[in-house]
Amino acid sequence: MADLDLPEDVIQAQRAYDAADARVQELAAALPASVTVVNGEAAFDEQAMADLIEARSERMRMLEALRDLPWWGTVPSKLDANRQLRSAARG
């Protein structure tokens, strides 16, 4: 696998996706388990669920923006490119 030329806009798009994904994980972790809500041990928080739904929508927008970049059409292997991009964005 040869090192690819990773344009800054592609790296930034990956970082935006990673941030959106982290936000989804944070909001999901803060919600009570469904079983505790069903058992009456915790209350359903409509605002927290709405925030999670919005965060998931934002994450999908970031993923689509990343995957729609023309750069992907220039790489010999999308799998290798994805690995290198994720490493560069997190490095």
N, C-alpha and C. Protein backbone atom coordinates (compact mmCIF):
# COMPACT_ATOMS: atom_id res chain seq x y z
N MET A 1 0.84 -1.17 0.00
CA MET A 1 0.00 0.00 0.00
C MET A 1 0.89 1.24 0.00
N ALA A 2 0.82 2.01 -1.06
CA ALA A 2 1.60 3.24 -1.18
C ALA A 2 0.92 4.36 -0.42
N ASP A 3 1.74 5.26 0.14
CA ASP A 3 1.18 6.42 0.82
C ASP A 3 0.49 7.32 -0.19
N LEU A 4 -0.67 7.79 0.18
CA LEU A 4 -1.46 8.64 -0.70
C LEU A 4 -1.24 10.10 -0.37
N ASP A 5 -1.50 10.94 -1.35
CA ASP A 5 -1.53 12.38 -1.13
C ASP A 5 -2.90 12.68 -0.55
N LEU A 6 -2.95 13.07 0.72
CA LEU A 6 -4.21 13.33 1.40
C LEU A 6 -4.42 14.85 1.46
N PRO A 7 -5.31 15.38 0.63
CA PRO A 7 -5.56 16.82 0.64
C PRO A 7 -6.14 17.27 1.99
N GLU A 8 -5.85 18.49 2.36
CA GLU A 8 -6.30 19.01 3.65
C GLU A 8 -7.82 19.01 3.76
N ASP A 9 -8.53 19.30 2.69
CA ASP A 9 -10.00 19.31 2.78
C ASP A 9 -10.56 17.92 3.06
N VAL A 10 -9.89 16.90 2.58
CA VAL A 10 -10.33 15.53 2.83
C VAL A 10 -10.07 15.18 4.30
N ILE A 11 -8.92 15.55 4.80
CA ILE A 11 -8.60 15.32 6.22
C ILE A 11 -9.59 16.06 7.11
N GLN A 12 -9.89 17.31 6.76
CA GLN A 12 -10.84 18.10 7.55
C GLN A 12 -12.23 17.49 7.51
N ALA A 13 -12.63 16.95 6.40
CA ALA A 13 -13.94 16.30 6.29
C ALA A 13 -13.98 15.06 7.19
N GLN A 14 -12.89 14.32 7.24
CA GLN A 14 -12.83 13.15 8.13
C GLN A 14 -12.89 13.60 9.58
N ARG A 15 -12.20 14.66 9.91
CA ARG A 15 -12.24 15.17 11.29
C ARG A 15 -13.63 15.67 11.67
N ALA A 16 -14.32 16.28 10.74
CA ALA A 16 -15.70 16.73 11.00
C ALA A 16 -16.60 15.53 11.26
N TYR A 17 -16.43 14.49 10.47
CA TYR A 17 -17.21 13.27 10.70
C TYR A 17 -16.87 12.68 12.07
N ASP A 18 -15.59 12.59 12.39
CA ASP A 18 -15.17 12.02 13.67
C ASP A 18 -15.77 12.81 14.84
N ALA A 19 -15.79 14.14 14.73
CA ALA A 19 -16.37 14.98 15.79
C ALA A 19 -17.87 14.73 15.92
N ALA A 20 -18.55 14.62 14.79
CA ALA A 20 -19.99 14.35 14.81
C ALA A 20 -20.27 12.97 15.41
N ASP A 21 -19.45 12.00 15.08
CA ASP A 21 -19.61 10.65 15.62
C ASP A 21 -19.37 10.65 17.13
N ALA A 22 -18.37 11.37 17.58
CA ALA A 22 -18.08 11.46 19.02
C ALA A 22 -19.26 12.09 19.76
N ARG A 23 -19.88 13.09 19.14
CA ARG A 23 -21.05 13.74 19.76
C ARG A 23 -22.20 12.75 19.89
N VAL A 24 -22.44 11.95 18.87
CA VAL A 24 -23.49 10.94 18.94
C VAL A 24 -23.19 9.96 20.07
N GLN A 25 -21.96 9.51 20.16
CA GLN A 25 -21.59 8.55 21.21
C GLN A 25 -21.79 9.16 22.60
N GLU A 26 -21.42 10.42 22.75
CA GLU A 26 -21.57 11.12 24.03
C GLU A 26 -23.05 11.22 24.43
N LEU A 27 -23.89 11.63 23.49
CA LEU A 27 -25.31 11.79 23.79
C LEU A 27 -25.97 10.44 24.06
N ALA A 28 -25.62 9.43 23.30
CA ALA A 28 -26.20 8.10 23.50
C ALA A 28 -25.80 7.52 24.85
N ALA A 29 -24.57 7.74 25.25
CA ALA A 29 -24.10 7.22 26.54
C ALA A 29 -24.80 7.89 27.72
N ALA A 30 -25.25 9.11 27.52
CA ALA A 30 -25.90 9.85 28.60
C ALA A 30 -27.36 9.43 28.80
N LEU A 31 -27.94 8.75 27.83
CA LEU A 31 -29.32 8.31 27.96
C LEU A 31 -29.41 7.11 28.90
N PRO A 32 -30.51 7.01 29.63
CA PRO A 32 -30.68 5.81 30.46
C PRO A 32 -30.97 4.60 29.59
N ALA A 33 -30.66 3.45 30.08
CA ALA A 33 -30.96 2.22 29.36
C ALA A 33 -32.47 2.07 29.21
N SER A 34 -32.89 1.54 28.08
CA SER A 34 -34.32 1.38 27.83
C SER A 34 -35.01 0.58 28.92
N VAL A 35 -34.35 -0.45 29.40
CA VAL A 35 -34.97 -1.30 30.42
C VAL A 35 -35.21 -0.51 31.71
N THR A 36 -34.35 0.44 32.03
CA THR A 36 -34.58 1.23 33.25
C THR A 36 -35.76 2.18 33.07
N VAL A 37 -35.97 2.65 31.86
CA VAL A 37 -37.12 3.50 31.58
C VAL A 37 -38.40 2.66 31.67
N VAL A 38 -38.39 1.49 31.04
CA VAL A 38 -39.56 0.61 31.05
C VAL A 38 -39.90 0.18 32.47
N ASN A 39 -38.89 -0.06 33.29
CA ASN A 39 -39.11 -0.49 34.67
C ASN A 39 -39.46 0.66 35.60
N GLY A 40 -39.50 1.88 35.07
CA GLY A 40 -39.83 3.04 35.89
C GLY A 40 -38.69 3.52 36.77
N GLU A 41 -37.48 3.03 36.50
CA GLU A 41 -36.32 3.41 37.29
C GLU A 41 -35.65 4.68 36.77
N ALA A 42 -36.04 5.10 35.58
CA ALA A 42 -35.50 6.32 34.97
C ALA A 42 -36.59 6.91 34.09
N ALA A 43 -36.50 8.20 33.89
CA ALA A 43 -37.49 8.88 33.06
C ALA A 43 -36.98 9.02 31.63
N PHE A 44 -37.91 8.98 30.70
CA PHE A 44 -37.58 9.22 29.30
C PHE A 44 -37.39 10.71 29.12
N ASP A 45 -36.26 11.10 28.56
CA ASP A 45 -35.95 12.52 28.37
C ASP A 45 -36.14 12.86 26.90
N GLU A 46 -37.25 13.51 26.60
CA GLU A 46 -37.57 13.83 25.20
C GLU A 46 -36.54 14.77 24.58
N GLN A 47 -36.06 15.73 25.34
CA GLN A 47 -35.07 16.66 24.80
C GLN A 47 -33.75 15.96 24.50
N ALA A 48 -33.34 15.07 25.39
CA ALA A 48 -32.10 14.32 25.16
C ALA A 48 -32.24 13.44 23.92
N MET A 49 -33.42 12.85 23.73
CA MET A 49 -33.63 12.02 22.54
C MET A 49 -33.64 12.88 21.29
N ALA A 50 -34.26 14.04 21.36
CA ALA A 50 -34.27 14.96 20.20
C ALA A 50 -32.85 15.40 19.86
N ASP A 51 -32.05 15.67 20.88
CA ASP A 51 -30.65 16.04 20.65
C ASP A 51 -29.89 14.92 19.98
N LEU A 52 -30.14 13.69 20.41
CA LEU A 52 -29.48 12.53 19.81
C LEU A 52 -29.89 12.36 18.35
N ILE A 53 -31.17 12.52 18.07
CA ILE A 53 -31.65 12.40 16.69
C ILE A 53 -30.99 13.46 15.80
N GLU A 54 -30.90 14.68 16.30
CA GLU A 54 -30.25 15.75 15.53
C GLU A 54 -28.76 15.45 15.33
N ALA A 55 -28.11 14.95 16.36
CA ALA A 55 -26.68 14.61 16.25
C ALA A 55 -26.47 13.49 15.24
N ARG A 56 -27.37 12.53 15.21
CA ARG A 56 -27.26 11.46 14.23
C ARG A 56 -27.45 11.99 12.81
N SER A 57 -28.37 12.92 12.65
CA SER A 57 -28.57 13.54 11.34
C SER A 57 -27.33 14.30 10.90
N GLU A 58 -26.72 15.02 11.83
CA GLU A 58 -25.49 15.77 11.52
C GLU A 58 -24.37 14.81 11.15
N ARG A 59 -24.27 13.72 11.88
CA ARG A 59 -23.23 12.72 11.56
C ARG A 59 -23.44 12.18 10.15
N MET A 60 -24.67 11.93 9.76
CA MET A 60 -24.95 11.43 8.41
C MET A 60 -24.59 12.48 7.37
N ARG A 61 -24.88 13.74 7.65
CA ARG A 61 -24.50 14.82 6.72
C ARG A 61 -22.98 14.88 6.55
N MET A 62 -22.26 14.73 7.66
CA MET A 62 -20.80 14.76 7.59
C MET A 62 -20.26 13.55 6.81
N LEU A 63 -20.88 12.40 7.00
CA LEU A 63 -20.45 11.21 6.26
C LEU A 63 -20.71 11.38 4.77
N GLU A 64 -21.87 11.89 4.42
CA GLU A 64 -22.18 12.11 3.01
C GLU A 64 -21.23 13.14 2.40
N ALA A 65 -20.93 14.20 3.13
CA ALA A 65 -20.00 15.21 2.63
C ALA A 65 -18.61 14.60 2.39
N LEU A 66 -18.19 13.76 3.32
CA LEU A 66 -16.89 13.09 3.18
C LEU A 66 -16.89 12.15 1.98
N ARG A 67 -17.89 11.32 1.86
CA ARG A 67 -17.93 10.32 0.80
C ARG A 67 -18.20 10.91 -0.58
N ASP A 68 -18.74 12.13 -0.64
CA ASP A 68 -19.01 12.78 -1.93
C ASP A 68 -17.81 13.54 -2.48
N LEU A 69 -16.71 13.57 -1.76
CA LEU A 69 -15.54 14.31 -2.25
C LEU A 69 -14.97 13.63 -3.50
N PRO A 70 -14.66 14.41 -4.52
CA PRO A 70 -14.12 13.85 -5.77
C PRO A 70 -12.83 13.07 -5.57
N TRP A 71 -12.10 13.38 -4.53
CA TRP A 71 -10.83 12.71 -4.24
C TRP A 71 -10.97 11.19 -4.24
N TRP A 72 -12.09 10.68 -3.77
CA TRP A 72 -12.28 9.23 -3.69
C TRP A 72 -12.17 8.56 -5.07
N GLY A 73 -12.50 9.29 -6.12
CA GLY A 73 -12.40 8.74 -7.46
C GLY A 73 -10.98 8.66 -7.98
N THR A 74 -10.04 9.21 -7.24
CA THR A 74 -8.64 9.23 -7.67
C THR A 74 -7.78 8.17 -6.99
N VAL A 75 -8.34 7.46 -6.03
CA VAL A 75 -7.54 6.52 -5.26
C VAL A 75 -7.64 5.11 -5.84
N PRO A 76 -6.53 4.36 -5.82
CA PRO A 76 -6.56 3.01 -6.39
C PRO A 76 -7.35 2.02 -5.53
N SER A 77 -7.36 2.23 -4.23
CA SER A 77 -8.07 1.33 -3.32
C SER A 77 -8.77 2.17 -2.26
N LYS A 78 -10.10 2.13 -2.27
CA LYS A 78 -10.85 2.92 -1.28
C LYS A 78 -10.60 2.40 0.14
N LEU A 79 -10.41 1.11 0.28
CA LEU A 79 -10.14 0.54 1.60
C LEU A 79 -8.83 1.08 2.16
N ASP A 80 -7.77 1.02 1.36
CA ASP A 80 -6.48 1.55 1.80
C ASP A 80 -6.55 3.06 2.02
N ALA A 81 -7.25 3.75 1.14
CA ALA A 81 -7.38 5.20 1.27
C ALA A 81 -8.10 5.55 2.57
N ASN A 82 -9.15 4.80 2.88
CA ASN A 82 -9.89 5.06 4.11
C ASN A 82 -9.01 4.84 5.34
N ARG A 83 -8.22 3.79 5.32
CA ARG A 83 -7.31 3.51 6.45
C ARG A 83 -6.31 4.65 6.63
N GLN A 84 -5.71 5.08 5.54
CA GLN A 84 -4.71 6.15 5.62
C GLN A 84 -5.36 7.46 6.06
N LEU A 85 -6.54 7.74 5.54
CA LEU A 85 -7.23 8.97 5.89
C LEU A 85 -7.59 8.99 7.37
N ARG A 86 -8.14 7.92 7.87
CA ARG A 86 -8.50 7.88 9.29
C ARG A 86 -7.27 8.04 10.17
N SER A 87 -6.19 7.43 9.78
CA SER A 87 -4.95 7.55 10.55
C SER A 87 -4.44 8.99 10.52
N ALA A 88 -4.44 9.61 9.36
CA ALA A 88 -3.96 10.98 9.24
C ALA A 88 -4.84 11.95 10.01
N ALA A 89 -6.14 11.75 9.97
CA ALA A 89 -7.07 12.66 10.63
C ALA A 89 -6.96 12.55 12.15
N ARG A 90 -6.61 11.39 12.63
CA ARG A 90 -6.54 11.18 14.08
C ARG A 90 -5.12 11.34 14.63
N GLY A 91 -4.16 11.43 13.69
CA GLY A 91 -2.77 11.50 14.10
C GLY A 91 -2.37 12.83 14.58
